[in-house]
Amino acid sequence: MPLIKVQTSIENLDRKDVKILLTNLSSKLAKHLGKPESYVMTSFEADVSMTFGGTFEPTCYLEVKSVGTMSSSQTKNMSQDFCTVISDSLGIAKNRIYIEFADAQGYLWGWNASTF
């Protein structure tokens, strides 16, 4: 049920590096939310046409969704953690990363031919 989706303007990324990044984000998201990693999904899109602040300098957008309620302290900690990971992994300045956090109600999240 937890999802972290990464979209970036960076192109020509090594597939191995992307796998390492997604594995890292998956583990961190599970820990931040206190949920089993077996339910975490990650997604990565590179070479997305994006601007931030009116420029085409490298940028990144993350979506973090989960069934349940994320507290303000959780989202603040995740923002700090995920911005650092993205900055270190992709070389994108932290001030060029947006993260959208969204709580989902269980009946609005489908899985295994049912809903949560």
N, C-alpha and C. Protein backbone atom coordinates (compact mmCIF):
# COMPACT_ATOMS: atom_id res chain seq x y z
N MET A 1 0.79 -1.20 0.00
CA MET A 1 0.00 0.00 0.00
C MET A 1 0.84 1.27 0.00
N PRO A 2 1.97 1.35 0.70
CA PRO A 2 2.79 2.55 0.54
C PRO A 2 3.41 2.58 -0.85
N LEU A 3 3.44 3.75 -1.43
CA LEU A 3 4.01 3.95 -2.76
C LEU A 3 4.93 5.16 -2.73
N ILE A 4 6.09 5.03 -3.36
CA ILE A 4 6.93 6.19 -3.60
C ILE A 4 7.24 6.20 -5.09
N LYS A 5 6.85 7.27 -5.75
CA LYS A 5 7.02 7.43 -7.19
C LYS A 5 7.99 8.59 -7.43
N VAL A 6 9.01 8.33 -8.21
CA VAL A 6 10.05 9.32 -8.49
C VAL A 6 9.99 9.70 -9.96
N GLN A 7 9.90 10.98 -10.24
CA GLN A 7 10.00 11.50 -11.60
C GLN A 7 11.13 12.51 -11.62
N THR A 8 12.02 12.40 -12.60
CA THR A 8 13.15 13.32 -12.67
C THR A 8 13.45 13.72 -14.11
N SER A 9 14.04 14.87 -14.25
CA SER A 9 14.45 15.34 -15.57
C SER A 9 15.79 14.75 -15.98
N ILE A 10 16.48 14.11 -15.05
CA ILE A 10 17.78 13.50 -15.35
C ILE A 10 17.57 12.40 -16.40
N GLU A 11 18.48 12.34 -17.35
CA GLU A 11 18.38 11.31 -18.38
C GLU A 11 19.62 10.42 -18.36
N ASN A 12 19.56 9.34 -19.08
CA ASN A 12 20.70 8.41 -19.24
C ASN A 12 21.24 7.90 -17.91
N LEU A 13 20.36 7.48 -17.04
CA LEU A 13 20.78 6.92 -15.76
C LEU A 13 21.09 5.44 -15.90
N ASP A 14 22.09 4.99 -15.19
CA ASP A 14 22.45 3.58 -15.19
C ASP A 14 21.35 2.79 -14.49
N ARG A 15 20.89 1.73 -15.12
CA ARG A 15 19.81 0.90 -14.58
C ARG A 15 20.16 0.34 -13.20
N LYS A 16 21.40 -0.03 -13.01
CA LYS A 16 21.85 -0.56 -11.72
C LYS A 16 21.71 0.51 -10.63
N ASP A 17 22.08 1.74 -10.94
CA ASP A 17 21.97 2.84 -9.97
C ASP A 17 20.51 3.10 -9.60
N VAL A 18 19.62 3.00 -10.58
CA VAL A 18 18.19 3.20 -10.33
C VAL A 18 17.67 2.10 -9.41
N LYS A 19 18.08 0.87 -9.65
CA LYS A 19 17.65 -0.24 -8.79
C LYS A 19 18.14 -0.05 -7.35
N ILE A 20 19.36 0.40 -7.20
CA ILE A 20 19.90 0.67 -5.86
C ILE A 20 19.09 1.77 -5.17
N LEU A 21 18.79 2.83 -5.91
CA LEU A 21 18.00 3.94 -5.36
C LEU A 21 16.62 3.46 -4.92
N LEU A 22 15.94 2.71 -5.78
CA LEU A 22 14.59 2.24 -5.45
C LEU A 22 14.58 1.28 -4.27
N THR A 23 15.58 0.43 -4.19
CA THR A 23 15.69 -0.49 -3.05
C THR A 23 15.87 0.30 -1.76
N ASN A 24 16.71 1.33 -1.81
CA ASN A 24 16.95 2.18 -0.65
C ASN A 24 15.67 2.92 -0.23
N LEU A 25 14.98 3.51 -1.21
CA LEU A 25 13.75 4.24 -0.91
C LEU A 25 12.66 3.31 -0.36
N SER A 26 12.57 2.09 -0.89
CA SER A 26 11.59 1.13 -0.42
C SER A 26 11.79 0.81 1.06
N SER A 27 13.01 0.53 1.41
CA SER A 27 13.34 0.22 2.80
C SER A 27 13.06 1.40 3.72
N LYS A 28 13.47 2.57 3.29
CA LYS A 28 13.26 3.77 4.12
C LYS A 28 11.78 4.09 4.30
N LEU A 29 10.99 3.95 3.22
CA LEU A 29 9.56 4.24 3.33
C LEU A 29 8.88 3.30 4.31
N ALA A 30 9.22 2.02 4.23
CA ALA A 30 8.64 1.04 5.17
C ALA A 30 8.98 1.42 6.60
N LYS A 31 10.22 1.78 6.85
CA LYS A 31 10.63 2.15 8.22
C LYS A 31 9.94 3.40 8.70
N HIS A 32 9.87 4.43 7.84
CA HIS A 32 9.21 5.69 8.25
C HIS A 32 7.74 5.46 8.60
N LEU A 33 7.08 4.58 7.86
CA LEU A 33 5.65 4.37 8.08
C LEU A 33 5.34 3.23 9.04
N GLY A 34 6.37 2.45 9.40
CA GLY A 34 6.16 1.32 10.29
C GLY A 34 5.31 0.24 9.65
N LYS A 35 5.47 0.06 8.34
CA LYS A 35 4.69 -0.94 7.60
C LYS A 35 5.64 -1.95 6.98
N PRO A 36 5.16 -3.16 6.71
CA PRO A 36 6.02 -4.17 6.10
C PRO A 36 6.48 -3.75 4.71
N GLU A 37 7.75 -3.95 4.42
CA GLU A 37 8.26 -3.60 3.10
C GLU A 37 7.62 -4.45 2.01
N SER A 38 7.08 -5.59 2.38
CA SER A 38 6.44 -6.47 1.39
C SER A 38 5.25 -5.80 0.70
N TYR A 39 4.73 -4.71 1.28
CA TYR A 39 3.62 -3.97 0.68
C TYR A 39 4.07 -2.71 -0.06
N VAL A 40 5.33 -2.34 0.04
CA VAL A 40 5.82 -1.09 -0.55
C VAL A 40 6.05 -1.26 -2.04
N MET A 41 5.60 -0.28 -2.82
CA MET A 41 5.85 -0.23 -4.25
C MET A 41 6.67 1.02 -4.55
N THR A 42 7.63 0.88 -5.46
CA THR A 42 8.42 2.02 -5.91
C THR A 42 8.28 2.14 -7.42
N SER A 43 8.46 3.34 -7.91
CA SER A 43 8.37 3.60 -9.34
C SER A 43 9.36 4.70 -9.69
N PHE A 44 9.95 4.61 -10.89
CA PHE A 44 10.96 5.59 -11.29
C PHE A 44 10.78 5.95 -12.76
N GLU A 45 10.71 7.23 -13.04
CA GLU A 45 10.64 7.73 -14.41
C GLU A 45 11.74 8.76 -14.60
N ALA A 46 12.61 8.50 -15.56
CA ALA A 46 13.69 9.44 -15.89
C ALA A 46 13.35 10.16 -17.18
N ASP A 47 14.13 11.20 -17.45
CA ASP A 47 14.02 11.95 -18.70
C ASP A 47 12.62 12.53 -18.90
N VAL A 48 12.01 13.00 -17.79
CA VAL A 48 10.71 13.65 -17.85
C VAL A 48 10.94 15.13 -18.12
N SER A 49 10.24 15.67 -19.10
CA SER A 49 10.36 17.11 -19.38
C SER A 49 9.78 17.88 -18.21
N MET A 50 10.63 18.60 -17.49
CA MET A 50 10.21 19.29 -16.28
C MET A 50 10.93 20.63 -16.17
N THR A 51 10.25 21.60 -15.58
CA THR A 51 10.90 22.84 -15.16
C THR A 51 10.67 23.01 -13.68
N PHE A 52 11.53 23.78 -13.05
CA PHE A 52 11.36 24.18 -11.65
C PHE A 52 11.93 25.58 -11.57
N GLY A 53 11.15 26.51 -11.08
CA GLY A 53 11.61 27.89 -10.99
C GLY A 53 11.89 28.50 -12.35
N GLY A 54 11.22 27.98 -13.37
CA GLY A 54 11.37 28.53 -14.71
C GLY A 54 12.61 28.06 -15.46
N THR A 55 13.34 27.09 -14.90
CA THR A 55 14.54 26.60 -15.59
C THR A 55 14.44 25.09 -15.80
N PHE A 56 15.28 24.61 -16.69
CA PHE A 56 15.36 23.18 -16.99
C PHE A 56 16.52 22.50 -16.28
N GLU A 57 17.08 23.15 -15.27
CA GLU A 57 18.14 22.51 -14.48
C GLU A 57 17.57 21.24 -13.86
N PRO A 58 18.42 20.26 -13.52
CA PRO A 58 17.92 19.00 -12.97
C PRO A 58 16.95 19.22 -11.82
N THR A 59 15.86 18.47 -11.85
CA THR A 59 14.81 18.58 -10.84
C THR A 59 14.17 17.22 -10.62
N CYS A 60 13.37 17.12 -9.57
CA CYS A 60 12.76 15.85 -9.22
C CYS A 60 11.44 16.09 -8.49
N TYR A 61 10.48 15.20 -8.75
CA TYR A 61 9.19 15.22 -8.08
C TYR A 61 8.93 13.83 -7.53
N LEU A 62 8.56 13.76 -6.25
CA LEU A 62 8.24 12.49 -5.61
C LEU A 62 6.80 12.52 -5.13
N GLU A 63 6.13 11.38 -5.26
CA GLU A 63 4.82 11.18 -4.66
C GLU A 63 4.97 10.09 -3.62
N VAL A 64 4.47 10.35 -2.43
CA VAL A 64 4.46 9.34 -1.37
C VAL A 64 3.01 9.18 -0.94
N LYS A 65 2.49 7.96 -1.13
CA LYS A 65 1.09 7.68 -0.78
C LYS A 65 1.05 6.47 0.15
N SER A 66 0.07 6.50 1.05
CA SER A 66 -0.08 5.39 1.98
C SER A 66 -1.49 5.36 2.52
N VAL A 67 -1.98 4.14 2.76
CA VAL A 67 -3.27 3.98 3.43
C VAL A 67 -3.04 4.30 4.90
N GLY A 68 -3.84 5.18 5.42
CA GLY A 68 -3.69 5.61 6.81
C GLY A 68 -3.37 7.08 6.88
N THR A 69 -2.89 7.51 8.02
CA THR A 69 -2.61 8.91 8.25
C THR A 69 -1.13 9.11 8.55
N MET A 70 -0.51 9.98 7.77
CA MET A 70 0.88 10.35 8.03
C MET A 70 0.86 11.62 8.89
N SER A 71 1.65 11.62 9.94
CA SER A 71 1.71 12.79 10.81
C SER A 71 2.66 13.84 10.23
N SER A 72 2.55 15.04 10.72
CA SER A 72 3.43 16.11 10.25
C SER A 72 4.89 15.81 10.57
N SER A 73 5.15 15.16 11.69
CA SER A 73 6.54 14.81 12.01
C SER A 73 7.05 13.72 11.07
N GLN A 74 6.19 12.78 10.69
CA GLN A 74 6.60 11.75 9.74
C GLN A 74 6.94 12.36 8.38
N THR A 75 6.06 13.24 7.89
CA THR A 75 6.31 13.82 6.57
C THR A 75 7.54 14.72 6.58
N LYS A 76 7.76 15.42 7.68
CA LYS A 76 8.96 16.26 7.77
C LYS A 76 10.22 15.38 7.76
N ASN A 77 10.21 14.29 8.52
CA ASN A 77 11.36 13.38 8.55
C ASN A 77 11.58 12.71 7.19
N MET A 78 10.48 12.30 6.54
CA MET A 78 10.60 11.69 5.23
C MET A 78 11.14 12.68 4.20
N SER A 79 10.68 13.92 4.28
CA SER A 79 11.15 14.94 3.35
C SER A 79 12.66 15.12 3.47
N GLN A 80 13.13 15.23 4.69
CA GLN A 80 14.56 15.38 4.92
C GLN A 80 15.32 14.17 4.40
N ASP A 81 14.85 12.98 4.73
CA ASP A 81 15.52 11.74 4.34
C ASP A 81 15.52 11.55 2.82
N PHE A 82 14.33 11.66 2.20
CA PHE A 82 14.23 11.40 0.77
C PHE A 82 14.94 12.46 -0.06
N CYS A 83 14.89 13.72 0.36
CA CYS A 83 15.64 14.76 -0.37
C CYS A 83 17.13 14.48 -0.33
N THR A 84 17.62 14.04 0.81
CA THR A 84 19.04 13.71 0.92
C THR A 84 19.40 12.54 0.02
N VAL A 85 18.58 11.50 0.02
CA VAL A 85 18.84 10.32 -0.82
C VAL A 85 18.84 10.71 -2.30
N ILE A 86 17.85 11.47 -2.73
CA ILE A 86 17.76 11.89 -4.13
C ILE A 86 18.93 12.79 -4.50
N SER A 87 19.25 13.73 -3.63
CA SER A 87 20.37 14.63 -3.90
C SER A 87 21.69 13.87 -4.02
N ASP A 88 21.92 12.95 -3.08
CA ASP A 88 23.16 12.16 -3.10
C ASP A 88 23.21 11.21 -4.30
N SER A 89 22.07 10.61 -4.65
CA SER A 89 22.05 9.61 -5.71
C SER A 89 22.03 10.21 -7.11
N LEU A 90 21.28 11.30 -7.28
CA LEU A 90 21.09 11.86 -8.61
C LEU A 90 21.79 13.19 -8.82
N GLY A 91 22.33 13.76 -7.75
CA GLY A 91 23.03 15.04 -7.88
C GLY A 91 22.09 16.22 -8.08
N ILE A 92 20.86 16.08 -7.60
CA ILE A 92 19.88 17.16 -7.72
C ILE A 92 19.87 17.96 -6.42
N ALA A 93 19.95 19.27 -6.54
CA ALA A 93 19.92 20.13 -5.36
C ALA A 93 18.62 19.92 -4.58
N LYS A 94 18.71 19.89 -3.27
CA LYS A 94 17.53 19.66 -2.43
C LYS A 94 16.44 20.70 -2.66
N ASN A 95 16.84 21.91 -3.01
CA ASN A 95 15.84 22.96 -3.23
C ASN A 95 15.19 22.87 -4.61
N ARG A 96 15.48 21.78 -5.34
CA ARG A 96 14.85 21.52 -6.64
C ARG A 96 14.07 20.20 -6.61
N ILE A 97 13.67 19.81 -5.40
CA ILE A 97 12.92 18.57 -5.21
C ILE A 97 11.60 18.90 -4.51
N TYR A 98 10.51 18.49 -5.11
CA TYR A 98 9.20 18.59 -4.48
C TYR A 98 8.74 17.18 -4.10
N ILE A 99 8.07 17.08 -2.96
CA ILE A 99 7.48 15.82 -2.53
C ILE A 99 6.02 16.07 -2.17
N GLU A 100 5.15 15.26 -2.73
CA GLU A 100 3.73 15.31 -2.38
C GLU A 100 3.41 14.10 -1.51
N PHE A 101 2.90 14.34 -0.32
CA PHE A 101 2.48 13.27 0.59
C PHE A 101 0.96 13.19 0.54
N ALA A 102 0.44 11.98 0.38
CA ALA A 102 -1.01 11.81 0.31
C ALA A 102 -1.45 10.59 1.11
N ASP A 103 -2.39 10.81 2.01
CA ASP A 103 -3.02 9.72 2.74
C ASP A 103 -4.16 9.18 1.88
N ALA A 104 -4.32 7.89 1.86
CA ALA A 104 -5.42 7.28 1.11
C ALA A 104 -6.31 6.50 2.07
N GLN A 105 -7.59 6.55 1.83
CA GLN A 105 -8.51 5.74 2.60
C GLN A 105 -8.47 4.33 2.02
N GLY A 106 -8.56 3.34 2.88
CA GLY A 106 -8.42 1.95 2.47
C GLY A 106 -9.33 1.53 1.33
N TYR A 107 -10.56 2.02 1.33
CA TYR A 107 -11.49 1.61 0.29
C TYR A 107 -11.17 2.25 -1.07
N LEU A 108 -10.25 3.23 -1.09
CA LEU A 108 -9.83 3.88 -2.33
C LEU A 108 -8.51 3.34 -2.85
N TRP A 109 -8.03 2.25 -2.28
CA TRP A 109 -6.73 1.67 -2.66
C TRP A 109 -6.95 0.19 -2.92
N GLY A 110 -6.83 -0.23 -4.18
CA GLY A 110 -7.07 -1.61 -4.55
C GLY A 110 -5.82 -2.45 -4.52
N TRP A 111 -5.98 -3.71 -4.18
CA TRP A 111 -4.89 -4.68 -4.17
C TRP A 111 -5.45 -6.09 -4.12
N ASN A 112 -4.85 -6.99 -4.85
CA ASN A 112 -5.20 -8.41 -4.79
C ASN A 112 -6.70 -8.65 -5.01
N ALA A 113 -7.25 -7.95 -6.01
CA ALA A 113 -8.66 -8.07 -6.41
C ALA A 113 -9.64 -7.60 -5.33
N SER A 114 -9.16 -6.76 -4.41
CA SER A 114 -10.02 -6.21 -3.37
C SER A 114 -9.52 -4.81 -3.03
N THR A 115 -9.85 -4.32 -1.88
CA THR A 115 -9.36 -3.03 -1.38
C THR A 115 -8.90 -3.22 0.06
N PHE A 116 -8.19 -2.20 0.54
CA PHE A 116 -7.77 -2.23 1.93
C PHE A 116 -8.90 -1.69 2.80
